[in-house]
Amino acid sequence: MKTFEDLEAMLREWVSFADPHVYDAGGMAALFAACLDNMRSRMLKAELEDIGAYLVTTKISLEAKSRRRRSFVRPLFVHHASRG
């Protein structure tokens, strides 16, 4: 991954390291937690306010979208198994 766009695209399309047909919600939550930890330790308070405004103006929703390809459940945190 060499650019911001590469990272953003990878995160938008990411499913799982263990199985490309099963969404790893726990893995995505762990990635999100890492992003929040990064923001907490490095952001200025003014930047945090900007993020809040961005989320409101872009109307980002956490409502689950229908999954065309994946309709079954897998245990959370399957990404840990792929780390060895």
N, C-alpha and C. Protein backbone atom coordinates (compact mmCIF):
# COMPACT_ATOMS: atom_id res chain seq x y z
N MET A 1 0.84 -1.16 0.00
CA MET A 1 0.00 0.00 0.00
C MET A 1 0.90 1.23 0.00
N LYS A 2 0.71 2.08 -0.98
CA LYS A 2 1.61 3.21 -1.12
C LYS A 2 0.93 4.57 -0.98
N THR A 3 -0.38 4.60 -1.09
CA THR A 3 -1.06 5.89 -1.03
C THR A 3 -2.23 5.83 -0.07
N PHE A 4 -2.69 7.01 0.31
CA PHE A 4 -3.88 7.12 1.14
C PHE A 4 -5.06 6.46 0.44
N GLU A 5 -5.18 6.66 -0.85
CA GLU A 5 -6.29 6.09 -1.62
C GLU A 5 -6.26 4.57 -1.58
N ASP A 6 -5.05 3.98 -1.63
CA ASP A 6 -4.92 2.52 -1.53
C ASP A 6 -5.44 2.02 -0.18
N LEU A 7 -5.03 2.70 0.89
CA LEU A 7 -5.46 2.31 2.23
C LEU A 7 -6.97 2.46 2.38
N GLU A 8 -7.51 3.58 1.92
CA GLU A 8 -8.94 3.82 2.02
C GLU A 8 -9.74 2.77 1.25
N ALA A 9 -9.30 2.47 0.04
CA ALA A 9 -10.00 1.46 -0.78
C ALA A 9 -9.93 0.09 -0.13
N MET A 10 -8.78 -0.27 0.43
CA MET A 10 -8.63 -1.56 1.08
C MET A 10 -9.58 -1.68 2.26
N LEU A 11 -9.68 -0.62 3.07
CA LEU A 11 -10.57 -0.66 4.23
C LEU A 11 -12.04 -0.70 3.82
N ARG A 12 -12.39 -0.01 2.76
CA ARG A 12 -13.79 -0.02 2.30
C ARG A 12 -14.20 -1.40 1.77
N GLU A 13 -13.27 -2.13 1.18
CA GLU A 13 -13.59 -3.42 0.57
C GLU A 13 -13.20 -4.62 1.42
N TRP A 14 -12.56 -4.38 2.56
CA TRP A 14 -12.04 -5.46 3.39
C TRP A 14 -13.15 -6.37 3.90
N VAL A 15 -12.91 -7.65 3.91
CA VAL A 15 -13.87 -8.63 4.40
C VAL A 15 -13.24 -9.41 5.56
N SER A 16 -12.12 -10.08 5.29
CA SER A 16 -11.48 -10.92 6.29
C SER A 16 -10.13 -11.39 5.77
N PHE A 17 -9.19 -11.60 6.66
CA PHE A 17 -7.94 -12.22 6.25
C PHE A 17 -8.10 -13.74 6.14
N ALA A 18 -9.01 -14.30 6.93
CA ALA A 18 -9.17 -15.75 7.00
C ALA A 18 -10.04 -16.32 5.88
N ASP A 19 -11.10 -15.60 5.51
CA ASP A 19 -12.05 -16.13 4.54
C ASP A 19 -12.69 -14.97 3.77
N PRO A 20 -12.44 -14.85 2.49
CA PRO A 20 -12.97 -13.71 1.72
C PRO A 20 -14.48 -13.73 1.53
N HIS A 21 -15.15 -14.79 1.98
CA HIS A 21 -16.59 -14.88 1.82
C HIS A 21 -17.35 -14.64 3.12
N VAL A 22 -16.61 -14.44 4.23
CA VAL A 22 -17.24 -14.24 5.53
C VAL A 22 -16.72 -12.94 6.12
N TYR A 23 -17.61 -12.01 6.41
CA TYR A 23 -17.22 -10.73 6.97
C TYR A 23 -16.80 -10.90 8.43
N ASP A 24 -15.65 -10.36 8.76
CA ASP A 24 -15.11 -10.43 10.11
C ASP A 24 -15.40 -9.11 10.83
N ALA A 25 -16.57 -9.02 11.46
CA ALA A 25 -16.97 -7.79 12.14
C ALA A 25 -16.02 -7.46 13.29
N GLY A 26 -15.54 -8.48 13.98
CA GLY A 26 -14.59 -8.26 15.06
C GLY A 26 -13.28 -7.70 14.56
N GLY A 27 -12.84 -8.19 13.42
CA GLY A 27 -11.61 -7.68 12.82
C GLY A 27 -11.75 -6.22 12.42
N MET A 28 -12.89 -5.87 11.82
CA MET A 28 -13.12 -4.48 11.43
C MET A 28 -13.22 -3.61 12.67
N ALA A 29 -13.84 -4.12 13.73
CA ALA A 29 -13.92 -3.36 14.98
C ALA A 29 -12.53 -3.12 15.56
N ALA A 30 -11.65 -4.11 15.45
CA ALA A 30 -10.27 -3.95 15.93
C ALA A 30 -9.53 -2.89 15.11
N LEU A 31 -9.75 -2.88 13.79
CA LEU A 31 -9.14 -1.86 12.94
C LEU A 31 -9.68 -0.47 13.30
N PHE A 32 -10.99 -0.39 13.53
CA PHE A 32 -11.61 0.87 13.91
C PHE A 32 -11.06 1.35 15.26
N ALA A 33 -10.91 0.43 16.20
CA ALA A 33 -10.35 0.78 17.52
C ALA A 33 -8.92 1.30 17.37
N ALA A 34 -8.15 0.70 16.48
CA ALA A 34 -6.78 1.18 16.24
C ALA A 34 -6.80 2.61 15.68
N CYS A 35 -7.77 2.88 14.79
CA CYS A 35 -7.91 4.24 14.25
C CYS A 35 -8.27 5.22 15.37
N LEU A 36 -9.19 4.83 16.23
CA LEU A 36 -9.59 5.70 17.34
C LEU A 36 -8.43 5.94 18.31
N ASP A 37 -7.64 4.90 18.60
CA ASP A 37 -6.46 5.06 19.45
C ASP A 37 -5.47 6.03 18.83
N ASN A 38 -5.28 5.91 17.52
CA ASN A 38 -4.38 6.80 16.80
C ASN A 38 -4.88 8.25 16.91
N MET A 39 -6.17 8.44 16.69
CA MET A 39 -6.75 9.78 16.75
C MET A 39 -6.64 10.36 18.17
N ARG A 40 -6.93 9.53 19.17
CA ARG A 40 -6.87 9.99 20.56
C ARG A 40 -5.47 10.46 20.94
N SER A 41 -4.46 9.76 20.47
CA SER A 41 -3.10 10.08 20.87
C SER A 41 -2.45 11.18 20.02
N ARG A 42 -3.01 11.48 18.85
CA ARG A 42 -2.32 12.40 17.95
C ARG A 42 -3.12 13.65 17.54
N MET A 43 -4.45 13.60 17.65
CA MET A 43 -5.26 14.72 17.18
C MET A 43 -5.31 15.87 18.16
N LEU A 44 -5.44 17.06 17.61
CA LEU A 44 -5.72 18.24 18.41
C LEU A 44 -7.22 18.32 18.63
N LYS A 45 -7.65 18.99 19.70
CA LYS A 45 -9.08 19.11 19.98
C LYS A 45 -9.83 19.77 18.83
N ALA A 46 -9.23 20.76 18.19
CA ALA A 46 -9.88 21.43 17.07
C ALA A 46 -10.11 20.46 15.91
N GLU A 47 -9.17 19.54 15.70
CA GLU A 47 -9.34 18.55 14.64
C GLU A 47 -10.48 17.59 14.97
N LEU A 48 -10.63 17.26 16.23
CA LEU A 48 -11.71 16.39 16.66
C LEU A 48 -13.06 17.04 16.35
N GLU A 49 -13.17 18.33 16.57
CA GLU A 49 -14.41 19.04 16.24
C GLU A 49 -14.67 18.99 14.74
N ASP A 50 -13.62 19.12 13.94
CA ASP A 50 -13.76 19.02 12.48
C ASP A 50 -14.29 17.65 12.07
N ILE A 51 -13.80 16.59 12.73
CA ILE A 51 -14.26 15.23 12.42
C ILE A 51 -15.75 15.10 12.71
N GLY A 52 -16.19 15.62 13.86
CA GLY A 52 -17.60 15.58 14.21
C GLY A 52 -18.45 16.28 13.17
N ALA A 53 -18.02 17.44 12.72
CA ALA A 53 -18.76 18.18 11.69
C ALA A 53 -18.79 17.39 10.38
N TYR A 54 -17.68 16.76 10.04
CA TYR A 54 -17.63 15.96 8.81
C TYR A 54 -18.62 14.81 8.86
N LEU A 55 -18.67 14.11 10.00
CA LEU A 55 -19.58 12.97 10.12
C LEU A 55 -21.03 13.41 9.99
N VAL A 56 -21.37 14.58 10.52
CA VAL A 56 -22.73 15.07 10.43
C VAL A 56 -23.07 15.50 9.01
N THR A 57 -22.16 16.22 8.35
CA THR A 57 -22.45 16.74 7.01
C THR A 57 -22.46 15.65 5.95
N THR A 58 -21.70 14.58 6.14
CA THR A 58 -21.68 13.51 5.14
C THR A 58 -22.75 12.46 5.42
N LYS A 59 -23.43 12.59 6.56
CA LYS A 59 -24.52 11.69 6.94
C LYS A 59 -24.07 10.23 6.96
N ILE A 60 -22.90 10.01 7.51
CA ILE A 60 -22.39 8.65 7.64
C ILE A 60 -23.29 7.88 8.59
N SER A 61 -23.68 6.70 8.18
CA SER A 61 -24.57 5.88 8.98
C SER A 61 -23.92 4.53 9.26
N LEU A 62 -24.11 4.03 10.46
CA LEU A 62 -23.61 2.70 10.79
C LEU A 62 -24.66 1.63 10.57
N GLU A 63 -25.77 2.01 9.97
CA GLU A 63 -26.82 1.03 9.68
C GLU A 63 -26.28 -0.02 8.73
N ALA A 64 -26.49 -1.27 9.07
CA ALA A 64 -25.96 -2.36 8.25
C ALA A 64 -26.64 -2.37 6.88
N LYS A 65 -25.83 -2.52 5.86
CA LYS A 65 -26.36 -2.66 4.51
C LYS A 65 -26.59 -4.14 4.24
N SER A 66 -27.47 -4.42 3.29
CA SER A 66 -27.70 -5.82 2.95
C SER A 66 -26.44 -6.37 2.30
N ARG A 67 -26.14 -7.60 2.63
CA ARG A 67 -24.94 -8.24 2.09
C ARG A 67 -25.36 -9.23 1.02
N ARG A 68 -25.03 -8.90 -0.20
CA ARG A 68 -25.40 -9.78 -1.32
C ARG A 68 -24.66 -11.10 -1.29
N ARG A 69 -23.35 -11.05 -1.02
CA ARG A 69 -22.53 -12.25 -1.12
C ARG A 69 -22.45 -13.03 0.19
N ARG A 70 -22.60 -12.36 1.32
CA ARG A 70 -22.35 -13.01 2.60
C ARG A 70 -23.61 -12.99 3.44
N SER A 71 -24.10 -14.14 3.78
CA SER A 71 -25.33 -14.19 4.57
C SER A 71 -25.20 -15.12 5.78
N PHE A 72 -23.99 -15.48 6.16
CA PHE A 72 -23.84 -16.35 7.31
C PHE A 72 -22.89 -15.72 8.32
N VAL A 73 -22.96 -16.20 9.54
CA VAL A 73 -22.24 -15.60 10.65
C VAL A 73 -20.97 -16.38 10.94
N ARG A 74 -19.94 -15.69 11.36
CA ARG A 74 -18.66 -16.30 11.71
C ARG A 74 -18.22 -15.72 13.05
N PRO A 75 -17.52 -16.46 13.88
CA PRO A 75 -17.05 -15.91 15.16
C PRO A 75 -16.23 -14.64 14.96
N LEU A 76 -16.33 -13.74 15.92
CA LEU A 76 -15.58 -12.49 15.85
C LEU A 76 -14.09 -12.74 16.02
N PHE A 77 -13.31 -11.83 15.53
CA PHE A 77 -11.87 -11.83 15.65
C PHE A 77 -11.19 -13.01 14.96
N VAL A 78 -11.71 -13.43 13.81
CA VAL A 78 -11.05 -14.51 13.08
C VAL A 78 -9.71 -14.04 12.52
N HIS A 79 -9.49 -12.74 12.45
CA HIS A 79 -8.22 -12.25 11.92
C HIS A 79 -7.06 -12.66 12.81
N HIS A 80 -7.28 -12.89 14.11
CA HIS A 80 -6.21 -13.31 15.00
C HIS A 80 -5.68 -14.70 14.62
N ALA A 81 -6.54 -15.54 14.12
CA ALA A 81 -6.11 -16.88 13.72
C ALA A 81 -5.15 -16.83 12.54
N SER A 82 -5.28 -15.84 11.70
CA SER A 82 -4.42 -15.76 10.52
C SER A 82 -3.05 -15.18 10.85
N ARG A 83 -2.86 -14.67 12.07
CA ARG A 83 -1.58 -14.07 12.44
C ARG A 83 -0.56 -15.10 12.88
N GLY A 84 -1.00 -16.33 13.14
CA GLY A 84 -0.07 -17.39 13.49
C GLY A 84 0.18 -17.46 14.90
